[in-house]
């Protein structure tokens, strides 16, 4: 199996409805080819990990790279893996805009730290927690 971690920047601002649409189609498409992962959004920046069968991950990443809604797609990591870190998620997602039931903004770093705590790879955990720290205020 393969794992790709990348970062990119949205060309324009987007609202939650647009992002929800992207997530719905991504989850459906990823599940169909056995790709799992996590997407964290901070401001206009995206950090995403994709994992699964090598050809499927490469195909999904190639499609994402060509998507005109974002630019500066930078592959941070591309490695062969034995086991999935995000096996239960067709595409997990967290945003800096996360709010609790009382309408209070929640701490993105704390949320992301909780999500990635079970991950064995310390570098992968660090990528997500540092991204959350940098973009929590975005």
Protein backbone atom coordinates (compact mmCIF):
# COMPACT_ATOMS: atom_id res chain seq x y z
CA UNK A 1 0.00 0.00 0.00
CA UNK A 2 0.98 3.62 -0.52
CA UNK A 3 0.65 6.80 1.55
CA UNK A 4 0.89 10.30 0.06
CA UNK A 5 0.83 13.43 2.21
CA UNK A 6 0.43 16.78 0.44
CA UNK A 7 -0.35 20.43 1.08
CA UNK A 8 -2.06 22.90 -1.25
CA UNK A 9 -3.74 26.31 -1.36
CA UNK A 10 -7.27 27.13 -2.52
CA UNK A 11 -7.39 29.62 -5.41
CA UNK A 12 -10.47 31.36 -4.05
CA UNK A 13 -12.31 31.40 -0.79
CA UNK A 14 -14.86 28.65 -0.32
CA UNK A 15 -17.79 28.12 1.98
CA UNK A 16 -18.78 25.09 4.02
CA UNK A 17 -21.42 24.06 1.47
CA UNK A 18 -18.81 23.88 -1.32
CA UNK A 19 -16.43 21.95 0.91
CA UNK A 20 -19.22 19.56 1.94
CA UNK A 21 -19.86 18.82 -1.74
CA UNK A 22 -16.18 18.09 -2.34
CA UNK A 23 -16.08 15.82 0.71
CA UNK A 24 -19.19 13.87 -0.34
CA UNK A 25 -17.81 13.11 -3.78
CA UNK A 26 -14.30 12.40 -2.42
CA UNK A 27 -15.63 9.97 0.17
CA UNK A 28 -17.71 8.13 -2.43
CA UNK A 29 -14.89 8.00 -5.00
CA UNK A 30 -12.23 7.05 -2.44
CA UNK A 31 -14.33 4.26 -0.95
CA UNK A 32 -14.90 2.82 -4.43
CA UNK A 33 -11.13 2.38 -4.98
CA UNK A 34 -10.09 1.55 -1.40
CA UNK A 35 -8.45 4.90 -0.54
CA UNK A 36 -8.66 6.27 3.01
CA UNK A 37 -7.24 9.41 4.58
CA UNK A 38 -7.61 12.66 6.46
CA UNK A 39 -8.10 16.26 5.27
CA UNK A 40 -7.46 19.22 7.56
CA UNK A 41 -8.35 22.73 6.36
CA UNK A 42 -6.89 25.92 7.80
CA UNK A 43 -7.92 29.13 6.06
CA UNK A 44 -7.16 28.53 2.37
CA UNK A 45 -4.60 25.78 3.07
CA UNK A 46 -5.24 22.05 2.84
CA UNK A 47 -3.21 19.23 4.36
CA UNK A 48 -4.29 15.78 3.25
CA UNK A 49 -3.06 12.22 3.53
CA UNK A 50 -4.22 9.52 1.12
CA UNK A 51 -3.51 5.82 1.67
CA UNK A 52 -4.42 2.57 0.00
CA UNK A 53 -3.51 0.51 -3.05
CA UNK A 54 -0.57 2.11 -4.86
CA UNK A 55 -2.30 2.63 -8.22
CA UNK A 56 -5.48 3.96 -6.61
CA UNK A 57 -3.59 6.46 -4.42
CA UNK A 58 -1.52 7.62 -7.41
CA UNK A 59 -4.68 8.08 -9.49
CA UNK A 60 -6.51 10.02 -6.75
CA UNK A 61 -3.47 12.24 -6.15
CA UNK A 62 -3.11 12.91 -9.88
CA UNK A 63 -6.78 13.94 -10.11
CA UNK A 64 -6.38 16.21 -7.08
CA UNK A 65 -3.22 17.76 -8.55
CA UNK A 66 -5.10 18.73 -11.73
CA UNK A 67 -8.06 20.26 -9.86
CA UNK A 68 -8.16 23.98 -10.79
CA UNK A 69 -9.74 24.97 -7.46
CA UNK A 70 -6.33 24.91 -5.81
CA UNK A 71 -2.65 25.43 -6.64
CA UNK A 72 0.83 24.87 -5.23
CA UNK A 73 0.16 21.19 -4.62
CA UNK A 74 3.31 20.00 -2.84
CA UNK A 75 3.85 16.32 -2.09
CA UNK A 76 5.42 16.22 1.37
CA UNK A 77 5.72 12.46 1.60
CA UNK A 78 5.20 9.42 -0.59
CA UNK A 79 5.96 6.08 0.99
CA UNK A 80 5.09 2.42 0.99
CA UNK A 81 3.20 1.37 4.11
CA UNK A 82 2.33 -1.95 5.71
CA UNK A 83 -0.84 -0.82 7.51
CA UNK A 84 -3.22 2.10 7.21
CA UNK A 85 -3.24 4.91 9.75
CA UNK A 86 -6.71 6.03 8.60
CA UNK A 87 -8.30 2.71 7.74
CA UNK A 88 -11.74 3.60 9.02
CA UNK A 89 -12.11 6.86 7.10
CA UNK A 90 -12.97 7.18 3.40
CA UNK A 91 -11.93 10.78 4.09
CA UNK A 92 -11.77 12.14 7.63
CA UNK A 93 -12.08 15.92 7.76
CA UNK A 94 -11.45 18.74 10.21
CA UNK A 95 -11.54 22.50 9.69
CA UNK A 96 -10.25 25.50 11.63
CA UNK A 97 -13.89 26.61 11.54
CA UNK A 98 -15.01 23.81 13.84
CA UNK A 99 -17.44 25.09 16.49
CA UNK A 100 -19.01 23.34 19.46
CA UNK A 101 -22.74 23.04 20.26
CA UNK A 102 -22.70 26.46 21.94
CA UNK A 103 -21.30 28.18 18.85
CA UNK A 104 -17.84 28.56 20.38
CA UNK A 105 -14.83 28.00 18.15
CA UNK A 106 -12.96 24.83 19.14
CA UNK A 107 -9.18 24.50 19.24
CA UNK A 108 -8.15 22.91 15.93
CA UNK A 109 -4.81 21.74 17.34
CA UNK A 110 -6.50 19.88 20.21
CA UNK A 111 -8.98 18.26 17.83
CA UNK A 112 -6.26 17.19 15.39
CA UNK A 113 -4.00 15.93 18.20
CA UNK A 114 -6.84 13.70 19.38
CA UNK A 115 -7.48 12.42 15.85
CA UNK A 116 -3.85 11.55 15.12
CA UNK A 117 -2.88 10.28 18.61
CA UNK A 118 -3.30 6.60 17.59
CA UNK A 119 -0.99 6.98 14.58
CA UNK A 120 2.33 5.15 15.01
CA UNK A 121 4.31 7.35 12.60
CA UNK A 122 5.61 10.32 14.65
CA UNK A 123 6.44 12.37 11.53
CA UNK A 124 2.91 12.01 10.18
CA UNK A 125 1.45 13.02 13.56
CA UNK A 126 3.78 16.03 13.66
CA UNK A 127 2.80 17.18 10.15
CA UNK A 128 -0.86 17.36 11.15
CA UNK A 129 -0.39 18.89 14.60
CA UNK A 130 1.99 21.58 13.32
CA UNK A 131 -0.34 22.38 10.43
CA UNK A 132 -3.18 22.75 12.93
CA UNK A 133 -1.06 25.04 15.10
CA UNK A 134 -0.13 27.27 12.17
CA UNK A 135 -3.62 27.47 10.67
CA UNK A 136 -5.92 27.39 13.68
CA UNK A 137 -6.30 31.15 13.58
CA UNK A 138 -6.81 31.30 9.82
